[in-house]
PDB file of N, CA and C in Angstrom:
ATOM      1  N   UNK A   1      10.220   2.118  65.110  1.00  0.00           N
ATOM      2  CA  UNK A   1      11.098   1.342  64.329  1.00  0.00           C
ATOM      3  C   UNK A   1      11.722   1.970  63.130  1.00  0.00           C
ATOM      4  N   UNK A   2      12.799   1.712  62.709  1.00  0.00           N
ATOM      5  CA  UNK A   2      13.430   2.715  61.408  1.00  0.00           C
ATOM      6  C   UNK A   2      13.337   1.669  60.270  1.00  0.00           C
ATOM      7  N   UNK A   3      12.845   2.330  59.216  1.00  0.00           N
ATOM      8  CA  UNK A   3      12.600   1.740  58.057  1.00  0.00           C
ATOM      9  C   UNK A   3      13.993   2.042  57.053  1.00  0.00           C
ATOM     10  N   UNK A   4      14.906   1.254  57.126  1.00  0.00           N
ATOM     11  CA  UNK A   4      16.234   1.684  56.542  1.00  0.00           C
ATOM     12  C   UNK A   4      16.157   1.886  54.966  1.00  0.00           C
ATOM     13  N   UNK A   5      15.191   0.919  54.262  1.00  0.00           N
ATOM     14  CA  UNK A   5      15.031   1.161  52.953  1.00  0.00           C
ATOM     15  C   UNK A   5      14.375   2.452  52.505  1.00  0.00           C
ATOM     16  N   UNK A   6      13.280   3.087  53.326  1.00  0.00           N
ATOM     17  CA  UNK A   6      12.773   4.378  53.169  1.00  0.00           C
ATOM     18  C   UNK A   6      13.876   5.611  53.477  1.00  0.00           C
ATOM     19  N   UNK A   7      14.599   5.188  54.460  1.00  0.00           N
ATOM     20  CA  UNK A   7      15.562   6.210  54.940  1.00  0.00           C
ATOM     21  C   UNK A   7      16.614   6.369  53.613  1.00  0.00           C
ATOM     22  N   UNK A   8      17.083   5.258  53.073  1.00  0.00           N
ATOM     23  CA  UNK A   8      18.091   5.116  52.060  1.00  0.00           C
ATOM     24  C   UNK A   8      17.413   5.932  50.693  1.00  0.00           C
ATOM     25  N   UNK A   9      16.131   5.733  50.313  1.00  0.00           N
ATOM     26  CA  UNK A   9      15.440   6.390  49.353  1.00  0.00           C
ATOM     27  C   UNK A   9      15.442   7.734  49.480  1.00  0.00           C
ATOM     28  N   UNK A  10      15.037   8.337  50.803  1.00  0.00           N
ATOM     29  CA  UNK A  10      14.849   9.580  50.933  1.00  0.00           C
ATOM     30  C   UNK A  10      16.311  10.311  50.838  1.00  0.00           C
ATOM     31  N   UNK A  11      17.386   9.853  51.181  1.00  0.00           N
ATOM     32  CA  UNK A  11      18.766  10.251  51.075  1.00  0.00           C
ATOM     33  C   UNK A  11      19.079  10.251  49.594  1.00  0.00           C
ATOM     34  N   UNK A  12      18.857   9.446  48.849  1.00  0.00           N
ATOM     35  CA  UNK A  12      19.061   9.196  47.381  1.00  0.00           C
ATOM     36  C   UNK A  12      18.149  10.335  46.632  1.00  0.00           C
ATOM     37  N   UNK A  13      17.080  10.507  47.149  1.00  0.00           N
ATOM     38  CA  UNK A  13      16.243  11.621  46.492  1.00  0.00           C
ATOM     39  C   UNK A  13      16.845  13.003  46.761  1.00  0.00           C
ATOM     40  N   UNK A  14      17.154  13.187  48.118  1.00  0.00           N
ATOM     41  CA  UNK A  14      17.926  14.519  48.495  1.00  0.00           C
ATOM     42  C   UNK A  14      19.100  14.830  47.650  1.00  0.00           C
ATOM     43  N   UNK A  15      20.072  13.725  47.418  1.00  0.00           N
ATOM     44  CA  UNK A  15      21.293  14.078  46.586  1.00  0.00           C
ATOM     45  C   UNK A  15      20.739  14.393  45.294  1.00  0.00           C
ATOM     46  N   UNK A  16      19.688  13.561  44.649  1.00  0.00           N
ATOM     47  CA  UNK A  16      19.301  13.979  43.256  1.00  0.00           C
ATOM     48  C   UNK A  16      18.748  15.316  43.165  1.00  0.00           C
ATOM     49  N   UNK A  17      18.059  15.826  44.193  1.00  0.00           N
ATOM     50  CA  UNK A  17      17.585  17.128  44.097  1.00  0.00           C
ATOM     51  C   UNK A  17      18.619  18.140  44.375  1.00  0.00           C
ATOM     52  N   UNK A  18      19.573  17.776  45.069  1.00  0.00           N
ATOM     53  CA  UNK A  18      20.712  18.680  45.379  1.00  0.00           C
ATOM     54  C   UNK A  18      21.511  18.831  43.974  1.00  0.00           C
ATOM     55  N   UNK A  19      21.957  17.724  43.345  1.00  0.00           N
ATOM     56  CA  UNK A  19      22.565  17.607  42.060  1.00  0.00           C
ATOM     57  C   UNK A  19      22.006  18.477  40.978  1.00  0.00           C
ATOM     58  N   UNK A  20      20.542  18.349  41.053  1.00  0.00           N
ATOM     59  CA  UNK A  20      19.890  19.069  39.972  1.00  0.00           C
ATOM     60  C   UNK A  20      19.807  20.499  40.278  1.00  0.00           C
ATOM     61  N   UNK A  21      19.914  21.035  41.596  1.00  0.00           N
ATOM     62  CA  UNK A  21      20.073  22.286  41.854  1.00  0.00           C
ATOM     63  C   UNK A  21      21.354  22.986  41.489  1.00  0.00           C
ATOM     64  N   UNK A  22      22.390  22.205  41.897  1.00  0.00           N
ATOM     65  CA  UNK A  22      23.807  22.535  41.441  1.00  0.00           C
ATOM     66  C   UNK A  22      23.985  22.750  39.903  1.00  0.00           C
ATOM     67  N   UNK A  23      23.277  21.925  39.099  1.00  0.00           N
ATOM     68  CA  UNK A  23      23.388  21.816  37.578  1.00  0.00           C
ATOM     69  C   UNK A  23      22.703  23.056  37.112  1.00  0.00           C
ATOM     70  N   UNK A  24      21.597  23.450  37.672  1.00  0.00           N
ATOM     71  CA  UNK A  24      20.873  24.612  37.456  1.00  0.00           C
ATOM     72  C   UNK A  24      21.700  25.816  37.649  1.00  0.00           C
ATOM     73  N   UNK A  25      22.221  25.935  38.693  1.00  0.00           N
ATOM     74  CA  UNK A  25      23.134  27.187  38.944  1.00  0.00           C
ATOM     75  C   UNK A  25      24.188  27.303  37.928  1.00  0.00           C
ATOM     76  N   UNK A  26      24.950  26.036  37.636  1.00  0.00           N
ATOM     77  CA  UNK A  26      26.031  26.149  36.618  1.00  0.00           C
ATOM     78  C   UNK A  26      25.378  26.509  35.337  1.00  0.00           C
ATOM     79  N   UNK A  27      24.246  25.994  34.824  1.00  0.00           N
ATOM     80  CA  UNK A  27      23.705  26.452  33.610  1.00  0.00           C
ATOM     81  C   UNK A  27      23.360  27.782  33.661  1.00  0.00           C
ATOM     82  N   UNK A  28      22.785  28.413  34.660  1.00  0.00           N
ATOM     83  CA  UNK A  28      22.318  30.062  34.874  1.00  0.00           C
ATOM     84  C   UNK A  28      23.882  30.724  34.651  1.00  0.00           C
ATOM     85  N   UNK A  29      24.955  30.325  35.538  1.00  0.00           N
ATOM     86  CA  UNK A  29      26.067  30.931  35.528  1.00  0.00           C
ATOM     87  C   UNK A  29      26.753  31.003  34.009  1.00  0.00           C
ATOM     88  N   UNK A  30      26.770  29.835  33.349  1.00  0.00           N
ATOM     89  CA  UNK A  30      27.244  29.945  31.983  1.00  0.00           C
ATOM     90  C   UNK A  30      26.491  30.683  31.201  1.00  0.00           C
ATOM     91  N   UNK A  31      25.295  30.675  31.108  1.00  0.00           N
ATOM     92  CA  UNK A  31      24.438  31.606  30.261  1.00  0.00           C
ATOM     93  C   UNK A  31      24.622  32.957  30.476  1.00  0.00           C
ATOM     94  N   UNK A  32      24.784  33.417  31.758  1.00  0.00           N
ATOM     95  CA  UNK A  32      25.272  34.725  32.181  1.00  0.00           C
ATOM     96  C   UNK A  32      26.650  35.268  31.697  1.00  0.00           C
ATOM     97  N   UNK A  33      27.492  34.162  31.795  1.00  0.00           N
ATOM     98  CA  UNK A  33      28.962  34.641  31.337  1.00  0.00           C
ATOM     99  C   UNK A  33      29.245  34.718  29.974  1.00  0.00           C
ATOM    100  N   UNK A  34      28.551  33.636  29.353  1.00  0.00           N
ATOM    101  CA  UNK A  34      28.882  33.239  27.855  1.00  0.00           C
ATOM    102  C   UNK A  34      27.441  33.515  27.210  1.00  0.00           C
ATOM    103  N   UNK A  35      27.268  34.777  26.829  1.00  0.00           N
ATOM    104  CA  UNK A  35      26.130  35.362  26.069  1.00  0.00           C
ATOM    105  C   UNK A  35      26.232  34.894  24.844  1.00  0.00           C
ATOM    106  N   UNK A  36      24.870  33.912  24.378  1.00  0.00           N
ATOM    107  CA  UNK A  36      24.882  33.506  23.231  1.00  0.00           C
ATOM    108  C   UNK A  36      26.040  32.367  22.555  1.00  0.00           C
ATOM    109  N   UNK A  37      26.628  31.645  23.733  1.00  0.00           N
ATOM    110  CA  UNK A  37      27.603  30.677  23.668  1.00  0.00           C
ATOM    111  C   UNK A  37      28.989  31.350  23.156  1.00  0.00           C
ATOM    112  N   UNK A  38      29.236  32.553  23.399  1.00  0.00           N
ATOM    113  CA  UNK A  38      30.377  33.230  22.924  1.00  0.00           C
ATOM    114  C   UNK A  38      31.130  33.900  24.137  1.00  0.00           C
ATOM    115  N   UNK A  39      32.290  33.441  24.184  1.00  0.00           N
ATOM    116  CA  UNK A  39      33.203  34.235  25.177  1.00  0.00           C
ATOM    117  C   UNK A  39      33.469  35.531  24.864  1.00  0.00           C
ATOM    118  N   UNK A  40      33.294  36.596  25.616  1.00  0.00           N
ATOM    119  CA  UNK A  40      33.312  38.071  25.357  1.00  0.00           C
ATOM    120  C   UNK A  40      34.819  38.395  25.276  1.00  0.00           C
ATOM    121  N   UNK A  41      35.357  39.278  24.329  1.00  0.00           N
ATOM    122  CA  UNK A  41      36.761  39.595  24.155  1.00  0.00           C
ATOM    123  C   UNK A  41      37.387  40.117  25.292  1.00  0.00           C
ATOM    124  N   UNK A  42      36.741  40.700  26.257  1.00  0.00           N
ATOM    125  CA  UNK A  42      37.197  41.282  27.467  1.00  0.00           C
ATOM    126  C   UNK A  42      37.102  40.447  28.514  1.00  0.00           C
ATOM    127  N   UNK A  43      36.887  38.979  28.358  1.00  0.00           N
ATOM    128  CA  UNK A  43      36.860  37.993  29.481  1.00  0.00           C
ATOM    129  C   UNK A  43      38.289  37.524  29.754  1.00  0.00           C
ATOM    130  N   UNK A  44      38.540  37.346  31.026  1.00  0.00           N
ATOM    131  CA  UNK A  44      37.505  37.423  32.152  1.00  0.00           C
ATOM    132  C   UNK A  44      37.419  38.868  32.723  1.00  0.00           C
ATOM    133  N   UNK A  45      36.382  38.996  33.647  1.00  0.00           N
ATOM    134  CA  UNK A  45      36.282  40.299  34.202  1.00  0.00           C
ATOM    135  C   UNK A  45      37.238  40.509  35.212  1.00  0.00           C
ATOM    136  N   UNK A  46      37.672  41.781  35.454  1.00  0.00           N
ATOM    137  CA  UNK A  46      38.388  42.288  36.528  1.00  0.00           C
ATOM    138  C   UNK A  46      37.788  41.817  37.895  1.00  0.00           C
ATOM    139  N   UNK A  47      38.750  41.424  38.754  1.00  0.00           N
ATOM    140  CA  UNK A  47      38.348  40.862  39.952  1.00  0.00           C
ATOM    141  C   UNK A  47      37.762  39.504  40.087  1.00  0.00           C
ATOM    142  N   UNK A  48      37.753  38.991  38.923  1.00  0.00           N
ATOM    143  CA  UNK A  48      37.127  37.475  38.820  1.00  0.00           C
ATOM    144  C   UNK A  48      38.279  36.539  39.290  1.00  0.00           C
ATOM    145  N   UNK A  49      37.616  35.234  39.681  1.00  0.00           N
ATOM    146  CA  UNK A  49      38.504  34.332  40.169  1.00  0.00           C
ATOM    147  C   UNK A  49      38.808  33.425  38.913  1.00  0.00           C
ATOM    148  N   UNK A  50      38.199  33.683  37.743  1.00  0.00           N
ATOM    149  CA  UNK A  50      38.449  33.115  36.644  1.00  0.00           C
ATOM    150  C   UNK A  50      39.620  33.454  35.781  1.00  0.00           C
ATOM    151  N   UNK A  51      40.419  32.662  35.388  1.00  0.00           N
ATOM    152  CA  UNK A  51      41.817  32.894  34.613  1.00  0.00           C
ATOM    153  C   UNK A  51      41.698  32.362  33.204  1.00  0.00           C
ATOM    154  N   UNK A  52      42.354  33.136  32.316  1.00  0.00           N
ATOM    155  CA  UNK A  52      42.465  32.599  30.951  1.00  0.00           C
ATOM    156  C   UNK A  52      43.971  32.124  30.714  1.00  0.00           C
ATOM    157  N   UNK A  53      44.337  31.039  30.030  1.00  0.00           N
ATOM    158  CA  UNK A  53      45.582  30.723  29.902  1.00  0.00           C
ATOM    159  C   UNK A  53      45.756  30.213  28.200  1.00  0.00           C
ATOM    160  N   UNK A  54      46.700  30.743  27.545  1.00  0.00           N
ATOM    161  CA  UNK A  54      46.881  30.239  26.257  1.00  0.00           C
ATOM    162  C   UNK A  54      48.142  29.203  26.395  1.00  0.00           C
ATOM    163  N   UNK A  55      47.765  27.912  26.097  1.00  0.00           N
ATOM    164  CA  UNK A  55      48.721  26.913  26.320  1.00  0.00           C
ATOM    165  C   UNK A  55      49.140  26.510  24.849  1.00  0.00           C
ATOM    166  N   UNK A  56      50.550  26.647  24.491  1.00  0.00           N
ATOM    167  CA  UNK A  56      51.061  26.218  23.154  1.00  0.00           C
ATOM    168  C   UNK A  56      52.276  25.205  23.523  1.00  0.00           C
ATOM    169  N   UNK A  57      52.609  25.113  24.816  1.00  0.00           N
ATOM    170  CA  UNK A  57      53.818  24.201  25.103  1.00  0.00           C
ATOM    171  C   UNK A  57      53.579  23.893  26.699  1.00  0.00           C
ATOM    172  N   UNK A  58      54.458  23.028  27.039  1.00  0.00           N
ATOM    173  CA  UNK A  58      54.300  22.431  28.463  1.00  0.00           C
ATOM    174  C   UNK A  58      54.615  23.578  29.488  1.00  0.00           C
ATOM    175  N   UNK A  59      55.414  24.307  29.100  1.00  0.00           N
ATOM    176  CA  UNK A  59      55.764  25.478  30.194  1.00  0.00           C
ATOM    177  C   UNK A  59      54.562  26.369  30.332  1.00  0.00           C
ATOM    178  N   UNK A  60      53.616  26.542  29.341  1.00  0.00           N
ATOM    179  CA  UNK A  60      52.429  27.437  29.491  1.00  0.00           C
ATOM    180  C   UNK A  60      51.631  26.983  30.508  1.00  0.00           C
ATOM    181  N   UNK A  61      51.573  25.724  31.008  1.00  0.00           N
ATOM    182  CA  UNK A  61      50.435  25.393  31.987  1.00  0.00           C
ATOM    183  C   UNK A  61      50.922  25.602  33.439  1.00  0.00           C
ATOM    184  N   UNK A  62      52.130  26.309  33.577  1.00  0.00           N
ATOM    185  CA  UNK A  62      52.554  26.576  34.863  1.00  0.00           C
ATOM    186  C   UNK A  62      51.802  27.774  35.669  1.00  0.00           C
ATOM    187  N   UNK A  63      51.087  28.555  34.948  1.00  0.00           N
ATOM    188  CA  UNK A  63      50.277  29.255  35.536  1.00  0.00           C
ATOM    189  C   UNK A  63      48.840  28.876  35.893  1.00  0.00           C
ATOM    190  N   UNK A  64      48.455  27.735  35.486  1.00  0.00           N
ATOM    191  CA  UNK A  64      47.217  27.165  35.774  1.00  0.00           C
ATOM    192  C   UNK A  64      47.204  26.772  37.370  1.00  0.00           C
ATOM    193  N   UNK A  65      46.152  26.613  38.008  1.00  0.00           N
ATOM    194  CA  UNK A  65      46.049  26.499  39.400  1.00  0.00           C
ATOM    195  C   UNK A  65      46.161  25.001  39.665  1.00  0.00           C
ATOM    196  N   UNK A  66      46.808  24.728  40.679  1.00  0.00           N
ATOM    197  CA  UNK A  66      47.251  23.208  41.004  1.00  0.00           C
ATOM    198  C   UNK A  66      46.111  22.720  41.724  1.00  0.00           C
ATOM    199  N   UNK A  67      45.045  23.445  42.406  1.00  0.00           N
ATOM    200  CA  UNK A  67      44.003  22.929  43.277  1.00  0.00           C
ATOM    201  C   UNK A  67      42.670  22.718  42.464  1.00  0.00           C
ATOM    202  N   UNK A  68      41.538  22.539  43.165  1.00  0.00           N
ATOM    203  CA  UNK A  68      40.514  22.243  42.536  1.00  0.00           C
ATOM    204  C   UNK A  68      39.761  23.303  41.752  1.00  0.00           C
ATOM    205  N   UNK A  69      39.139  22.944  40.539  1.00  0.00           N
ATOM    206  CA  UNK A  69      38.547  24.039  39.799  1.00  0.00           C
ATOM    207  C   UNK A  69      37.755  23.505  38.590  1.00  0.00           C
ATOM    208  N   UNK A  70      37.416  24.337  37.793  1.00  0.00           N
ATOM    209  CA  UNK A  70      36.501  23.871  36.677  1.00  0.00           C
ATOM    210  C   UNK A  70      37.200  24.515  35.262  1.00  0.00           C
ATOM    211  N   UNK A  71      37.296  23.776  34.341  1.00  0.00           N
ATOM    212  CA  UNK A  71      38.095  24.377  33.263  1.00  0.00           C
ATOM    213  C   UNK A  71      37.374  23.970  31.804  1.00  0.00           C
ATOM    214  N   UNK A  72      37.866  24.827  30.818  1.00  0.00           N
ATOM    215  CA  UNK A  72      37.217  24.523  29.454  1.00  0.00           C
ATOM    216  C   UNK A  72      38.572  24.564  28.638  1.00  0.00           C
ATOM    217  N   UNK A  73      38.632  23.643  27.679  1.00  0.00           N
ATOM    218  CA  UNK A  73      39.734  23.624  26.655  1.00  0.00           C
ATOM    219  C   UNK A  73      39.120  24.192  25.363  1.00  0.00           C
ATOM    220  N   UNK A  74      39.693  25.188  24.816  1.00  0.00           N
ATOM    221  CA  UNK A  74      39.335  25.618  23.372  1.00  0.00           C
ATOM    222  C   UNK A  74      40.537  25.316  22.389  1.00  0.00           C
ATOM    223  N   UNK A  75      40.257  25.107  21.210  1.00  0.00           N
ATOM    224  CA  UNK A  75      41.159  24.861  20.072  1.00  0.00           C
ATOM    225  C   UNK A  75      40.651  25.163  18.682  1.00  0.00           C
ATOM    226  N   UNK A  76      41.593  25.514  17.918  1.00  0.00           N
ATOM    227  CA  UNK A  76      41.177  25.695  16.345  1.00  0.00           C
ATOM    228  C   UNK A  76      41.248  24.724  15.605  1.00  0.00           C
ATOM    229  N   UNK A  77      41.523  23.414  16.099  1.00  0.00           N
ATOM    230  CA  UNK A  77      41.404  22.150  15.573  1.00  0.00           C
ATOM    231  C   UNK A  77      39.933  21.791  15.373  1.00  0.00           C
ATOM    232  N   UNK A  78      39.561  21.352  13.868  1.00  0.00           N
ATOM    233  CA  UNK A  78      38.260  21.171  13.629  1.00  0.00           C
ATOM    234  C   UNK A  78      38.092  19.559  14.147  1.00  0.00           C
ATOM    235  N   UNK A  79      37.106  19.594  14.909  1.00  0.00           N
ATOM    236  CA  UNK A  79      36.553  18.017  15.241  1.00  0.00           C
ATOM    237  C   UNK A  79      35.207  18.034  14.668  1.00  0.00           C
ATOM    238  N   UNK A  80      34.913  17.109  13.683  1.00  0.00           N
ATOM    239  CA  UNK A  80      33.564  17.164  13.258  1.00  0.00           C
ATOM    240  C   UNK A  80      32.344  16.754  14.077  1.00  0.00           C
ATOM    241  N   UNK A  81      32.971  15.842  15.112  1.00  0.00           N
ATOM    242  CA  UNK A  81      32.048  15.411  15.934  1.00  0.00           C
ATOM    243  C   UNK A  81      31.743  16.271  17.256  1.00  0.00           C
ATOM    244  N   UNK A  82      32.319  17.274  17.310  1.00  0.00           N
ATOM    245  CA  UNK A  82      32.214  18.353  18.276  1.00  0.00           C
ATOM    246  C   UNK A  82      30.942  19.178  18.297  1.00  0.00           C
ATOM    247  N   UNK A  83      30.102  18.850  19.213  1.00  0.00           N
ATOM    248  CA  UNK A  83      28.658  19.423  19.063  1.00  0.00           C
ATOM    249  C   UNK A  83      28.689  20.738  19.979  1.00  0.00           C
ATOM    250  N   UNK A  84      29.659  20.908  20.544  1.00  0.00           N
ATOM    251  CA  UNK A  84      29.599  22.092  21.668  1.00  0.00           C
ATOM    252  C   UNK A  84      29.491  23.409  20.802  1.00  0.00           C
ATOM    253  N   UNK A  85      28.736  24.440  21.251  1.00  0.00           N
ATOM    254  CA  UNK A  85      28.539  25.570  20.703  1.00  0.00           C
ATOM    255  C   UNK A  85      29.305  26.852  21.171  1.00  0.00           C
ATOM    256  N   UNK A  86      29.931  26.526  22.376  1.00  0.00           N
ATOM    257  CA  UNK A  86      30.798  27.663  23.132  1.00  0.00           C
ATOM    258  C   UNK A  86      32.041  27.912  22.251  1.00  0.00           C
ATOM    259  N   UNK A  87      32.260  29.232  21.875  1.00  0.00           N
ATOM    260  CA  UNK A  87      33.354  29.698  21.328  1.00  0.00           C
ATOM    261  C   UNK A  87      33.959  30.809  21.855  1.00  0.00           C
ATOM    262  N   UNK A  88      35.232  31.013  21.323  1.00  0.00           N
ATOM    263  CA  UNK A  88      36.047  32.241  21.766  1.00  0.00           C
ATOM    264  C   UNK A  88      36.877  32.607  20.605  1.00  0.00           C
ATOM    265  N   UNK A  89      36.654  33.748  20.100  1.00  0.00           N
ATOM    266  CA  UNK A  89      37.324  34.230  18.715  1.00  0.00           C
ATOM    267  C   UNK A  89      37.182  33.040  17.850  1.00  0.00           C
ATOM    268  N   UNK A  90      38.120  32.563  17.297  1.00  0.00           N
ATOM    269  CA  UNK A  90      38.126  31.542  16.157  1.00  0.00           C
ATOM    270  C   UNK A  90      38.179  30.062  16.693  1.00  0.00           C
ATOM    271  N   UNK A  91      38.096  30.163  18.165  1.00  0.00           N
ATOM    272  CA  UNK A  91      38.421  28.807  18.780  1.00  0.00           C
ATOM    273  C   UNK A  91      37.034  28.142  19.252  1.00  0.00           C
ATOM    274  N   UNK A  92      36.954  26.951  19.334  1.00  0.00           N
ATOM    275  CA  UNK A  92      35.842  26.261  19.956  1.00  0.00           C
ATOM    276  C   UNK A  92      36.021  25.332  21.167  1.00  0.00           C
ATOM    277  N   UNK A  93      35.153  25.418  22.045  1.00  0.00           N
ATOM    278  CA  UNK A  93      35.449  24.457  23.152  1.00  0.00           C
ATOM    279  C   UNK A  93      35.409  23.001  22.778  1.00  0.00           C
ATOM    280  N   UNK A  94      36.164  22.366  23.175  1.00  0.00           N
ATOM    281  CA  UNK A  94      36.268  20.722  22.947  1.00  0.00           C
ATOM    282  C   UNK A  94      36.244  19.884  24.156  1.00  0.00           C
ATOM    283  N   UNK A  95      36.240  20.699  25.472  1.00  0.00           N
ATOM    284  CA  UNK A  95      36.306  19.971  26.637  1.00  0.00           C
ATOM    285  C   UNK A  95      35.817  20.796  27.693  1.00  0.00           C
ATOM    286  N   UNK A  96      35.171  20.374  28.648  1.00  0.00           N
ATOM    287  CA  UNK A  96      34.855  20.997  29.878  1.00  0.00           C
ATOM    288  C   UNK A  96      34.879  19.936  30.871  1.00  0.00           C
ATOM    289  N   UNK A  97      35.494  20.305  32.190  1.00  0.00           N
ATOM    290  CA  UNK A  97      35.667  19.522  33.189  1.00  0.00           C
ATOM    291  C   UNK A  97      35.866  20.166  34.473  1.00  0.00           C
ATOM    292  N   UNK A  98      36.000  19.384  35.534  1.00  0.00           N
ATOM    293  CA  UNK A  98      36.477  19.957  36.750  1.00  0.00           C
ATOM    294  C   UNK A  98      37.137  18.910  37.410  1.00  0.00           C
ATOM    295  N   UNK A  99      38.138  19.279  38.364  1.00  0.00           N
ATOM    296  CA  UNK A  99      39.124  18.265  38.858  1.00  0.00           C
ATOM    297  C   UNK A  99      39.481  18.895  40.145  1.00  0.00           C
ATOM    298  N   UNK A 100      40.118  18.046  41.094  1.00  0.00           N
ATOM    299  CA  UNK A 100      40.760  18.408  42.376  1.00  0.00           C
ATOM    300  C   UNK A 100      42.225  18.942  42.179  1.00  0.00           C
ATOM    301  N   UNK A 101      42.655  18.426  40.773  1.00  0.00           N
ATOM    302  CA  UNK A 101      43.945  19.149  40.361  1.00  0.00           C
ATOM    303  C   UNK A 101      44.077  19.499  39.087  1.00  0.00           C
ATOM    304  N   UNK A 102      43.542  20.677  38.794  1.00  0.00           N
ATOM    305  CA  UNK A 102      43.331  21.366  37.529  1.00  0.00           C
ATOM    306  C   UNK A 102      44.438  21.120  36.606  1.00  0.00           C
ATOM    307  N   UNK A 103      45.749  21.669  37.131  1.00  0.00           N
ATOM    308  CA  UNK A 103      46.902  21.730  36.202  1.00  0.00           C
ATOM    309  C   UNK A 103      47.251  20.426  35.666  1.00  0.00           C
ATOM    310  N   UNK A 104      47.171  19.291  36.623  1.00  0.00           N
ATOM    311  CA  UNK A 104      47.716  18.027  36.285  1.00  0.00           C
ATOM    312  C   UNK A 104      46.563  17.576  35.244  1.00  0.00           C
ATOM    313  N   UNK A 105      45.276  17.880  35.474  1.00  0.00           N
ATOM    314  CA  UNK A 105      44.206  17.387  34.635  1.00  0.00           C
ATOM    315  C   UNK A 105      44.300  17.910  33.146  1.00  0.00           C
ATOM    316  N   UNK A 106      44.555  19.459  33.234  1.00  0.00           N
ATOM    317  CA  UNK A 106      44.839  19.821  31.825  1.00  0.00           C
ATOM    318  C   UNK A 106      46.120  19.318  31.151  1.00  0.00           C
ATOM    319  N   UNK A 107      47.004  18.926  31.883  1.00  0.00           N
ATOM    320  CA  UNK A 107      48.316  18.439  31.144  1.00  0.00           C
ATOM    321  C   UNK A 107      48.098  17.106  30.734  1.00  0.00           C
ATOM    322  N   UNK A 108      47.156  16.226  31.587  1.00  0.00           N
ATOM    323  CA  UNK A 108      46.793  15.118  31.022  1.00  0.00           C
ATOM    324  C   UNK A 108      46.121  15.015  29.537  1.00  0.00           C
ATOM    325  N   UNK A 109      45.153  16.080  29.568  1.00  0.00           N
ATOM    326  CA  UNK A 109      44.455  16.321  28.098  1.00  0.00           C
ATOM    327  C   UNK A 109      45.443  16.693  27.031  1.00  0.00           C
ATOM    328  N   UNK A 110      46.259  17.552  27.369  1.00  0.00           N
ATOM    329  CA  UNK A 110      46.931  18.322  26.228  1.00  0.00           C
ATOM    330  C   UNK A 110      48.285  17.792  25.989  1.00  0.00           C
ATOM    331  N   UNK A 111      49.048  17.240  27.079  1.00  0.00           N
ATOM    332  CA  UNK A 111      50.276  16.635  27.064  1.00  0.00           C
ATOM    333  C   UNK A 111      50.273  15.293  27.486  1.00  0.00           C
ATOM    334  N   UNK A 112      49.532  14.550  26.958  1.00  0.00           N
ATOM    335  CA  UNK A 112      48.984  13.143  27.673  1.00  0.00           C
ATOM    336  C   UNK A 112      50.442  12.373  27.659  1.00  0.00           C
ATOM    337  N   UNK A 113      51.294  12.245  26.523  1.00  0.00           N
ATOM    338  CA  UNK A 113      52.424  11.568  26.540  1.00  0.00           C
ATOM    339  C   UNK A 113      53.414  11.739  27.600  1.00  0.00           C
ATOM    340  N   UNK A 114      53.530  13.320  27.780  1.00  0.00           N
ATOM    341  CA  UNK A 114      54.513  13.648  28.952  1.00  0.00           C
ATOM    342  C   UNK A 114      53.836  13.249  30.223  1.00  0.00           C
ATOM    343  N   UNK A 115      52.705  13.380  30.399  1.00  0.00           N
ATOM    344  CA  UNK A 115      51.881  13.227  31.650  1.00  0.00           C
ATOM    345  C   UNK A 115      52.076  11.853  32.005  1.00  0.00           C
ATOM    346  N   UNK A 116      51.865  10.954  31.054  1.00  0.00           N
ATOM    347  CA  UNK A 116      52.041   9.536  31.528  1.00  0.00           C
ATOM    348  C   UNK A 116      53.526   9.210  31.831  1.00  0.00           C
ATOM    349  N   UNK A 117      54.471   9.753  31.042  1.00  0.00           N
ATOM    350  CA  UNK A 117      55.869   9.488  31.310  1.00  0.00           C
ATOM    351  C   UNK A 117      56.346   9.692  32.661  1.00  0.00           C
ATOM    352  N   UNK A 118      55.883  10.791  33.314  1.00  0.00           N
ATOM    353  CA  UNK A 118      56.286  10.987  34.654  1.00  0.00           C
ATOM    354  C   UNK A 118      55.135  10.596  35.836  1.00  0.00           C
ATOM    355  N   UNK A 119      54.221   9.660  35.367  1.00  0.00           N
ATOM    356  CA  UNK A 119      53.201   9.218  36.255  1.00  0.00           C
ATOM    357  C   UNK A 119      53.988   8.594  37.617  1.00  0.00           C
ATOM    358  N   UNK A 120      54.781   7.605  37.326  1.00  0.00           N
ATOM    359  CA  UNK A 120      55.330   6.945  38.396  1.00  0.00           C
ATOM    360  C   UNK A 120      56.070   7.930  39.563  1.00  0.00           C
ATOM    361  N   UNK A 121      56.789   8.823  39.046  1.00  0.00           N
ATOM    362  CA  UNK A 121      57.373   9.923  39.866  1.00  0.00           C
ATOM    363  C   UNK A 121      56.416  10.774  40.722  1.00  0.00           C
ATOM    364  N   UNK A 122      55.497  10.973  40.011  1.00  0.00           N
ATOM    365  CA  UNK A 122      54.233  11.874  40.617  1.00  0.00           C
ATOM    366  C   UNK A 122      53.497  10.981  41.699  1.00  0.00           C
ATOM    367  N   UNK A 123      53.171   9.630  41.267  1.00  0.00           N
ATOM    368  CA  UNK A 123      52.642   8.851  42.232  1.00  0.00           C
ATOM    369  C   UNK A 123      53.377   8.488  43.687  1.00  0.00           C
ATOM    370  N   UNK A 124      54.852   8.549  43.505  1.00  0.00           N
ATOM    371  CA  UNK A 124      55.542   8.314  44.735  1.00  0.00           C
ATOM    372  C   UNK A 124      55.692   9.461  45.576  1.00  0.00           C
ATOM    373  N   UNK A 125      55.391  10.718  44.965  1.00  0.00           N
ATOM    374  CA  UNK A 125      55.647  11.993  45.652  1.00  0.00           C
ATOM    375  C   UNK A 125      54.168  12.299  46.384  1.00  0.00           C
ATOM    376  N   UNK A 126      53.306  11.646  46.071  1.00  0.00           N
ATOM    377  CA  UNK A 126      51.968  11.895  46.816  1.00  0.00           C
ATOM    378  C   UNK A 126      51.731  11.452  48.231  1.00  0.00           C
TER     379      UNK A 126
END
């Protein structure tokens, strides 16, 4: 006979173990890439799938990938409640995230008013 409760608990435990493994791998990767919480001046390395974009206006997001990925937003704006220690030159990281649509997600963070204004047209094109 099957014990569905035990099977569900086993599945939930396996998911928790897998999530912890992925978190650990991300932590190790970040520590390897960002020594002492500082982005190296020559970042990203040649041949890397990591890209760096300086965004000052809406047109600057065009080079950002449209698909899935991980992103970090840096700024010179001083946020007193920002506890993140990751920095690059004089900039501090204020947001880290992952998304199935990185370009749109970055747009929603940085240019939210414009992002919201064309929401209905994007929704109808999906």
